[in-house]
């Protein structure tokens, strides 16, 4: 019996097109294909599907992920270097448990994924925005300045444990770190011994060209530890992601008390995912949703360019988000209540900076959750709200 408690994280509100949610459109979730994969997994694994799983995750999925990374990233991952997690956030908290201790400094790209901040807070970490400079049309990490800052921080007697970055179709900008910066950043990690944690969640949501090579593919040892997820490419509800690192790092994660006590994370879903991948169902599904998200992106960008009379609004080559600059003098915090009165919402740009002050003139819009026609309507409502606020 449902006593009125919520079932899902996002519940639609009548009259509101809420573009703050980075979640897949419900009609694109692979319900029928997942049912078939579940039946296939049950046939193949029987009772093993419901037993405690191997600590690092079931072998069939670890093997499939390693092979798949070889196709999507042209990178020779090894199954023994894959640890199956309950999603990207779970991967990040496990990595923090292994690499950090309270009081450590973590440098992050600015802007960056805002929901990483509470995870860092859970571990008692001091989060500092890395220095950035303009590179083409994006703000990118200033690697020499970051190296100077790491050195100065250590001279203060403080421990720098990681650099966190979403370098490929990143959240919130959907932009990618330029190739030269990738190379320089990896060299910095190898030179200083500070681990880069690469959140690679959006790699396969590419609409134009190819995704750039990962930082992990360019690094030696554990200079880069990568996070991946099936939340965007399959469904968030299956709660599956992974860590891509060395076998030694995976062993360290596997020895954590929480992991060893409970066995493999989400074992039944992991074996279903292995069957889904091996059947070719995953590749077919990703190809289909990639086309749908491209159409949704095009609908939102076209409508924004028209309604805001700004043909220069950039169209992201991948990811789920539009990082929109507001008219001079308009703050996101002031626009937000006006926008909601007009039936549209967004995330204030300040949420994506450690100081929660920078980015006041930016908003993040997600095009993942709504149909093209709904996104066109959302742009109309946003434009009306902006005109009412200026």
Protein backbone atom coordinates (compact mmCIF):
# COMPACT_ATOMS: atom_id res chain seq x y z
CA UNK A 1 0.00 0.00 0.00
CA UNK A 2 1.27 3.46 -0.92
CA UNK A 3 0.60 5.81 2.03
CA UNK A 4 1.54 8.92 0.07
CA UNK A 5 5.30 8.77 0.54
CA UNK A 6 7.28 9.72 -2.59
CA UNK A 7 8.48 7.06 -5.00
CA UNK A 8 10.91 9.07 -7.10
CA UNK A 9 13.29 11.97 -6.43
CA UNK A 10 11.63 14.23 -8.99
CA UNK A 11 7.86 14.70 -8.96
CA UNK A 12 6.37 17.03 -11.61
CA UNK A 13 4.62 20.19 -10.43
CA UNK A 14 1.57 21.33 -12.33
CA UNK A 15 2.33 24.32 -14.51
CA UNK A 16 6.11 24.27 -13.93
CA UNK A 17 8.70 23.24 -16.51
CA UNK A 18 11.60 22.67 -14.14
CA UNK A 19 14.87 22.66 -16.10
CA UNK A 20 16.92 22.25 -12.94
CA UNK A 21 16.74 18.45 -13.02
CA UNK A 22 19.50 16.53 -14.80
CA UNK A 23 17.47 13.38 -15.25
CA UNK A 24 16.47 11.28 -18.27
CA UNK A 25 13.13 11.73 -19.98
CA UNK A 26 10.86 8.98 -18.58
CA UNK A 27 9.77 7.76 -22.01
CA UNK A 28 13.43 7.09 -22.89
CA UNK A 29 14.03 4.67 -20.01
CA UNK A 30 14.53 1.09 -21.33
CA UNK A 31 11.80 -0.70 -19.38
CA UNK A 32 11.11 -3.48 -21.91
CA UNK A 33 14.79 -4.03 -22.74
CA UNK A 34 15.68 -4.17 -19.04
CA UNK A 35 12.97 -6.77 -18.43
CA UNK A 36 14.44 -8.92 -21.19
CA UNK A 37 17.94 -8.49 -19.75
CA UNK A 38 16.70 -9.47 -16.28
CA UNK A 39 15.18 -12.67 -17.66
CA UNK A 40 18.41 -13.41 -19.54
CA UNK A 41 20.49 -12.86 -16.41
CA UNK A 42 18.23 -15.09 -14.31
CA UNK A 43 18.51 -17.85 -16.89
CA UNK A 44 22.30 -17.52 -17.03
CA UNK A 45 23.09 -17.05 -13.32
CA UNK A 46 20.16 -18.59 -11.43
CA UNK A 47 20.54 -18.44 -7.66
CA UNK A 48 23.90 -16.64 -7.99
CA UNK A 49 21.98 -13.55 -8.98
CA UNK A 50 20.53 -13.32 -5.45
CA UNK A 51 23.60 -14.29 -3.42
CA UNK A 52 26.10 -11.90 -1.85
CA UNK A 53 28.19 -10.63 -4.74
CA UNK A 54 31.94 -10.46 -5.17
CA UNK A 55 33.30 -7.44 -3.29
CA UNK A 56 34.48 -5.54 -6.36
CA UNK A 57 31.41 -6.48 -8.40
CA UNK A 58 30.50 -9.49 -10.53
CA UNK A 59 33.13 -10.60 -13.01
CA UNK A 60 30.86 -10.49 -16.08
CA UNK A 61 30.11 -6.79 -15.60
CA UNK A 62 33.69 -5.83 -14.75
CA UNK A 63 34.85 -7.60 -17.90
CA UNK A 64 32.17 -5.92 -20.03
CA UNK A 65 32.98 -2.45 -18.66
CA UNK A 66 36.71 -2.92 -19.36
CA UNK A 67 36.00 -4.05 -22.93
CA UNK A 68 33.51 -1.22 -23.45
CA UNK A 69 35.99 1.43 -22.28
CA UNK A 70 38.35 0.08 -24.91
CA UNK A 71 35.73 0.96 -27.53
CA UNK A 72 34.52 4.32 -26.20
CA UNK A 73 37.86 5.67 -25.02
CA UNK A 74 40.41 3.68 -27.03
CA UNK A 75 41.94 2.70 -23.72
CA UNK A 76 43.12 -0.69 -22.46
CA UNK A 77 41.26 -0.95 -19.15
CA UNK A 78 41.61 -4.18 -17.18
CA UNK A 79 38.74 -5.98 -15.42
CA UNK A 80 40.80 -6.21 -12.23
CA UNK A 81 40.98 -2.39 -12.24
CA UNK A 82 37.19 -1.99 -12.30
CA UNK A 83 35.14 -1.66 -9.10
CA UNK A 84 31.34 -1.66 -9.50
CA UNK A 85 29.58 1.01 -7.43
CA UNK A 86 26.07 2.16 -6.64
CA UNK A 87 26.45 5.12 -9.01
CA UNK A 88 28.87 8.02 -9.48
CA UNK A 89 28.15 9.60 -6.08
CA UNK A 90 28.84 6.30 -4.34
CA UNK A 91 32.08 6.01 -6.31
CA UNK A 92 33.13 9.48 -5.20
CA UNK A 93 32.49 8.82 -1.52
CA UNK A 94 34.44 5.53 -1.71
CA UNK A 95 37.36 7.32 -3.35
CA UNK A 96 37.25 10.01 -0.66
CA UNK A 97 37.30 7.31 2.01
CA UNK A 98 40.44 5.78 0.52
CA UNK A 99 42.36 8.92 -0.47
CA UNK A 100 41.44 11.60 2.07
CA UNK A 101 41.25 12.40 5.74
CA UNK A 102 39.42 15.26 7.48
CA UNK A 103 41.07 18.62 6.93
CA UNK A 104 42.58 17.73 3.56
CA UNK A 105 42.37 20.17 0.67
CA UNK A 106 40.54 19.21 -2.52
CA UNK A 107 40.93 21.41 -5.59
CA UNK A 108 37.99 21.51 -7.99
CA UNK A 109 37.35 22.95 -11.41
CA UNK A 110 35.22 26.10 -11.36
CA UNK A 111 32.39 25.73 -12.09
CA UNK A 112 31.90 22.06 -11.27
CA UNK A 113 29.29 19.48 -10.31
CA UNK A 114 27.50 21.02 -7.35
CA UNK A 115 26.39 17.79 -5.65
CA UNK A 116 30.01 16.76 -5.16
CA UNK A 117 30.29 19.51 -2.53
CA UNK A 118 28.11 17.76 0.10
CA UNK A 119 30.12 14.55 -0.38
CA UNK A 120 33.34 16.42 0.28
CA UNK A 121 31.71 18.03 3.33
CA UNK A 122 30.76 14.57 4.64
CA UNK A 123 34.47 13.75 4.67
CA UNK A 124 35.52 17.00 6.33
CA UNK A 125 37.41 18.27 3.29
CA UNK A 126 38.29 21.88 2.46
CA UNK A 127 37.17 22.53 -1.11
CA UNK A 128 39.04 25.22 -3.05
CA UNK A 129 38.40 26.31 -6.61
CA UNK A 130 41.40 25.77 -8.87
CA UNK A 131 42.71 28.85 -10.71
CA UNK A 132 41.21 29.22 -14.19
CA UNK A 133 41.97 31.24 -17.28
CA UNK A 134 40.19 31.76 -20.58
CA UNK A 135 40.97 29.15 -23.25
CA UNK A 136 38.94 29.80 -26.39
CA UNK A 137 35.29 29.94 -25.30
CA UNK A 138 35.69 28.28 -21.90
CA UNK A 139 37.30 28.88 -18.53
CA UNK A 140 39.89 26.12 -18.08
CA UNK A 141 42.18 25.19 -15.21
CA UNK A 142 45.38 27.25 -15.21
CA UNK A 143 47.78 24.35 -14.64
CA UNK A 144 50.95 26.35 -13.75
CA UNK A 145 48.95 28.49 -11.32
CA UNK A 146 47.43 25.36 -9.78
CA UNK A 147 50.88 23.83 -9.28
CA UNK A 148 52.00 27.00 -7.51
CA UNK A 149 48.90 26.88 -5.30
CA UNK A 150 49.47 23.20 -4.44
CA UNK A 151 53.04 24.02 -3.40
CA UNK A 152 51.93 26.99 -1.31
CA UNK A 153 49.21 24.93 0.37
CA UNK A 154 51.71 22.22 1.29
CA UNK A 155 54.13 24.82 2.66
CA UNK A 156 51.35 25.80 5.06
CA UNK A 157 51.48 22.23 6.39
CA UNK A 158 48.23 21.22 4.72
CA UNK A 159 47.66 17.96 2.84
CA UNK A 160 46.36 18.15 -0.74
CA UNK A 161 44.66 14.84 -1.50
CA UNK A 162 42.91 15.25 -4.85
CA UNK A 163 41.85 17.35 -7.82
CA UNK A 164 38.22 16.75 -8.83
CA UNK A 165 37.12 17.56 -12.38
CA UNK A 166 34.40 16.70 -14.89
CA UNK A 167 36.49 17.30 -18.03
CA UNK A 168 34.25 15.82 -20.73
CA UNK A 169 30.87 17.47 -21.43
CA UNK A 170 31.03 18.67 -17.86
CA UNK A 171 28.25 19.59 -15.49
CA UNK A 172 27.17 22.46 -15.58
CA UNK A 173 28.74 23.78 -18.81
CA UNK A 174 28.61 20.68 -21.09
CA UNK A 175 32.01 21.81 -22.35
CA UNK A 176 35.20 19.76 -22.48
CA UNK A 177 38.70 20.53 -21.25
CA UNK A 178 41.01 21.29 -24.22
CA UNK A 179 43.48 18.58 -25.17
CA UNK A 180 46.60 20.52 -24.20
CA UNK A 181 45.15 21.20 -20.75
CA UNK A 182 44.41 17.49 -20.33
CA UNK A 183 48.00 16.59 -21.05
CA UNK A 184 49.37 19.29 -18.74
CA UNK A 185 46.98 18.39 -15.92
CA UNK A 186 47.91 14.70 -16.05
CA UNK A 187 51.60 15.63 -15.98
CA UNK A 188 50.91 17.84 -12.95
CA UNK A 189 49.28 14.93 -11.12
CA UNK A 190 52.19 12.64 -11.90
CA UNK A 191 54.72 15.27 -10.87
CA UNK A 192 53.06 16.32 -7.61
CA UNK A 193 51.51 13.02 -6.51
CA UNK A 194 48.06 14.62 -6.21
CA UNK A 195 45.41 12.25 -7.59
CA UNK A 196 43.01 13.53 -10.22
CA UNK A 197 39.50 12.19 -9.74
CA UNK A 198 37.98 12.28 -13.21
CA UNK A 199 34.17 12.22 -13.23
CA UNK A 200 33.51 10.82 -16.71
CA UNK A 201 29.75 10.45 -16.42
CA UNK A 202 28.78 12.09 -19.72
CA UNK A 203 31.32 10.56 -22.13
CA UNK A 204 28.81 8.67 -24.26
CA UNK A 205 26.31 11.52 -24.54
CA UNK A 206 28.14 13.00 -27.52
CA UNK A 207 26.18 14.63 -30.34
CA UNK A 208 28.90 16.05 -32.56
CA UNK A 209 32.27 14.53 -33.38
CA UNK A 210 33.97 12.29 -30.81
CA UNK A 211 34.47 12.65 -27.10
CA UNK A 212 38.08 13.57 -26.27
CA UNK A 213 40.36 10.94 -24.78
CA UNK A 214 39.94 10.64 -21.03
CA UNK A 215 42.53 11.85 -18.56
CA UNK A 216 42.69 8.27 -17.29
CA UNK A 217 43.78 7.00 -20.69
CA UNK A 218 46.76 9.37 -20.66
CA UNK A 219 47.98 8.67 -17.12
CA UNK A 220 50.31 6.20 -15.48
CA UNK A 221 49.35 4.24 -12.36
CA UNK A 222 46.75 5.99 -10.23
CA UNK A 223 47.62 9.57 -11.15
CA UNK A 224 44.03 9.59 -12.43
CA UNK A 225 41.17 7.59 -10.91
CA UNK A 226 38.06 7.64 -13.07
CA UNK A 227 34.36 7.52 -12.19
CA UNK A 228 31.73 6.23 -14.63
CA UNK A 229 27.99 5.72 -14.38
CA UNK A 230 25.03 4.11 -16.11
CA UNK A 231 22.63 6.70 -14.65
CA UNK A 232 22.65 8.84 -17.79
CA UNK A 233 23.07 6.17 -20.46
CA UNK A 234 20.64 3.57 -19.04
CA UNK A 235 18.68 4.68 -15.96
CA UNK A 236 19.49 6.25 -12.58
CA UNK A 237 17.22 3.79 -10.80
CA UNK A 238 19.49 0.81 -11.47
CA UNK A 239 22.07 2.53 -9.19
CA UNK A 240 25.17 1.36 -11.02
CA UNK A 241 28.48 3.01 -11.75
CA UNK A 242 32.13 2.12 -11.51
CA UNK A 243 35.63 3.14 -10.53
CA UNK A 244 38.37 2.69 -13.12
CA UNK A 245 41.80 2.54 -11.45
CA UNK A 246 44.67 0.14 -10.87
CA UNK A 247 44.06 -3.35 -9.44
CA UNK A 248 45.87 -2.17 -6.30
CA UNK A 249 43.44 0.73 -5.85
CA UNK A 250 40.47 -1.59 -6.38
CA UNK A 251 41.89 -3.86 -3.70
CA UNK A 252 42.08 -0.93 -1.28
CA UNK A 253 38.43 -0.09 -1.92
CA UNK A 254 37.46 -3.76 -1.57
CA UNK A 255 39.05 -3.90 1.91
CA UNK A 256 36.80 -1.13 3.26
CA UNK A 257 34.64 -2.48 6.07
CA UNK A 258 31.40 -1.37 4.43
CA UNK A 259 32.29 -3.14 1.20
CA UNK A 260 33.57 -6.37 2.73
CA UNK A 261 30.59 -6.58 5.08
CA UNK A 262 27.97 -6.29 2.34
CA UNK A 263 29.67 -7.88 -0.66
CA UNK A 264 29.17 -6.53 -4.15
CA UNK A 265 27.03 -3.43 -4.51
CA UNK A 266 23.64 -3.93 -6.19
CA UNK A 267 24.66 -7.39 -7.34
CA UNK A 268 21.44 -8.46 -9.09
CA UNK A 269 21.25 -5.22 -11.10
CA UNK A 270 24.94 -5.55 -11.94
CA UNK A 271 24.42 -8.99 -13.46
CA UNK A 272 21.41 -7.68 -15.36
CA UNK A 273 23.57 -4.86 -16.69
CA UNK A 274 26.16 -7.42 -17.79
CA UNK A 275 23.48 -9.28 -19.75
CA UNK A 276 22.13 -6.01 -21.20
CA UNK A 277 25.62 -5.07 -22.37
CA UNK A 278 26.54 -8.48 -23.77
CA UNK A 279 23.29 -8.72 -25.75
CA UNK A 280 23.97 -5.51 -27.67
CA UNK A 281 20.95 -3.93 -26.02
CA UNK A 282 23.07 -1.28 -24.32
CA UNK A 283 24.71 -0.05 -27.53
CA UNK A 284 21.33 0.09 -29.31
CA UNK A 285 19.75 1.98 -26.44
CA UNK A 286 22.55 4.54 -26.16
CA UNK A 287 22.44 5.20 -29.90
CA UNK A 288 18.69 5.79 -29.70
CA UNK A 289 18.71 8.12 -26.69
CA UNK A 290 21.71 10.02 -28.04
CA UNK A 291 19.57 10.98 -31.04
CA UNK A 292 16.66 12.00 -28.82
CA UNK A 293 18.82 14.15 -26.55
CA UNK A 294 20.37 15.83 -29.58
CA UNK A 295 16.88 16.79 -30.76
CA UNK A 296 16.01 18.07 -27.29
CA UNK A 297 19.21 20.12 -27.20
CA UNK A 298 18.45 21.59 -30.62
CA UNK A 299 14.91 22.52 -29.57
CA UNK A 300 16.07 24.37 -26.47
CA UNK A 301 19.00 26.14 -28.14
CA UNK A 302 16.93 27.21 -31.14
CA UNK A 303 14.16 28.56 -28.91
CA UNK A 304 16.60 30.39 -26.63
CA UNK A 305 18.37 32.02 -29.57
CA UNK A 306 15.04 33.19 -30.96
CA UNK A 307 13.28 34.32 -27.79
CA UNK A 308 16.37 35.99 -26.31
CA UNK A 309 17.42 37.42 -29.68
CA UNK A 310 20.91 36.04 -29.19
CA UNK A 311 22.21 33.82 -32.02
CA UNK A 312 25.55 33.38 -30.22
CA UNK A 313 24.21 31.09 -27.49
CA UNK A 314 26.48 28.04 -27.86
CA UNK A 315 25.15 24.58 -28.63
CA UNK A 316 26.93 21.94 -26.52
CA UNK A 317 28.58 19.04 -28.36
CA UNK A 318 27.60 16.66 -25.58
CA UNK A 319 26.12 16.34 -22.11
CA UNK A 320 22.75 17.52 -20.86
CA UNK A 321 23.14 21.18 -19.98
CA UNK A 322 23.10 24.75 -21.24
CA UNK A 323 25.21 27.20 -19.22
CA UNK A 324 23.40 30.42 -19.98
CA UNK A 325 24.79 33.90 -19.39
CA UNK A 326 22.22 36.40 -18.13
CA UNK A 327 21.90 39.99 -19.38
CA UNK A 328 24.30 42.43 -17.68
CA UNK A 329 23.12 43.45 -14.24
CA UNK A 330 20.69 40.54 -13.77
CA UNK A 331 21.43 38.07 -10.99
CA UNK A 332 20.20 34.48 -11.06
CA UNK A 333 18.91 34.77 -7.49
CA UNK A 334 16.70 37.70 -8.50
CA UNK A 335 15.49 36.00 -11.66
CA UNK A 336 14.58 32.71 -9.97
CA UNK A 337 11.30 33.71 -8.23
CA UNK A 338 10.18 35.63 -11.31
CA UNK A 339 10.91 32.63 -13.53
CA UNK A 340 8.92 30.28 -11.32
CA UNK A 341 5.96 32.66 -11.48
CA UNK A 342 6.26 32.35 -15.25
CA UNK A 343 6.25 28.54 -14.98
CA UNK A 344 9.92 27.69 -15.53
CA UNK A 345 12.87 26.99 -13.25
CA UNK A 346 16.66 26.45 -13.32
CA UNK A 347 19.72 26.10 -11.08
CA UNK A 348 21.41 29.30 -9.91
CA UNK A 349 24.98 29.42 -11.22
CA UNK A 350 26.40 30.12 -7.75
CA UNK A 351 25.63 26.51 -6.78
CA UNK A 352 28.53 25.29 -8.92
CA UNK A 353 31.30 27.27 -7.22
CA UNK A 354 32.91 26.50 -3.85
CA UNK A 355 32.43 30.09 -2.70
CA UNK A 356 28.73 30.04 -3.73
CA UNK A 357 29.19 33.64 -4.92
CA UNK A 358 30.81 33.34 -8.34
CA UNK A 359 28.47 32.50 -11.22
CA UNK A 360 25.72 34.82 -9.98
CA UNK A 361 25.13 35.90 -13.59
CA UNK A 362 24.73 32.35 -14.95
CA UNK A 363 22.02 29.71 -14.86
CA UNK A 364 22.10 26.02 -15.70
CA UNK A 365 19.32 24.64 -17.87
CA UNK A 366 18.90 20.91 -18.40
CA UNK A 367 17.36 19.68 -21.66
CA UNK A 368 17.29 16.00 -20.65
CA UNK A 369 13.90 15.69 -18.96
CA UNK A 370 11.44 17.28 -21.38
CA UNK A 371 10.24 16.86 -24.95
CA UNK A 372 11.30 19.30 -27.69
CA UNK A 373 7.94 21.07 -27.60
CA UNK A 374 8.10 21.45 -23.80
CA UNK A 375 11.62 22.82 -24.06
CA UNK A 376 10.53 25.38 -26.64
CA UNK A 377 7.75 26.48 -24.28
CA UNK A 378 10.23 26.63 -21.37
CA UNK A 379 12.45 28.98 -23.39
CA UNK A 380 9.48 31.23 -24.10
CA UNK A 381 8.65 31.39 -20.39
CA UNK A 382 12.26 32.06 -19.42
CA UNK A 383 12.54 34.88 -21.95
CA UNK A 384 9.38 36.45 -20.56
CA UNK A 385 10.77 36.21 -17.03
CA UNK A 386 14.06 37.81 -18.11
CA UNK A 387 12.23 40.68 -19.81
CA UNK A 388 10.15 41.18 -16.67
CA UNK A 389 13.34 41.32 -14.57
CA UNK A 390 15.33 43.81 -16.64
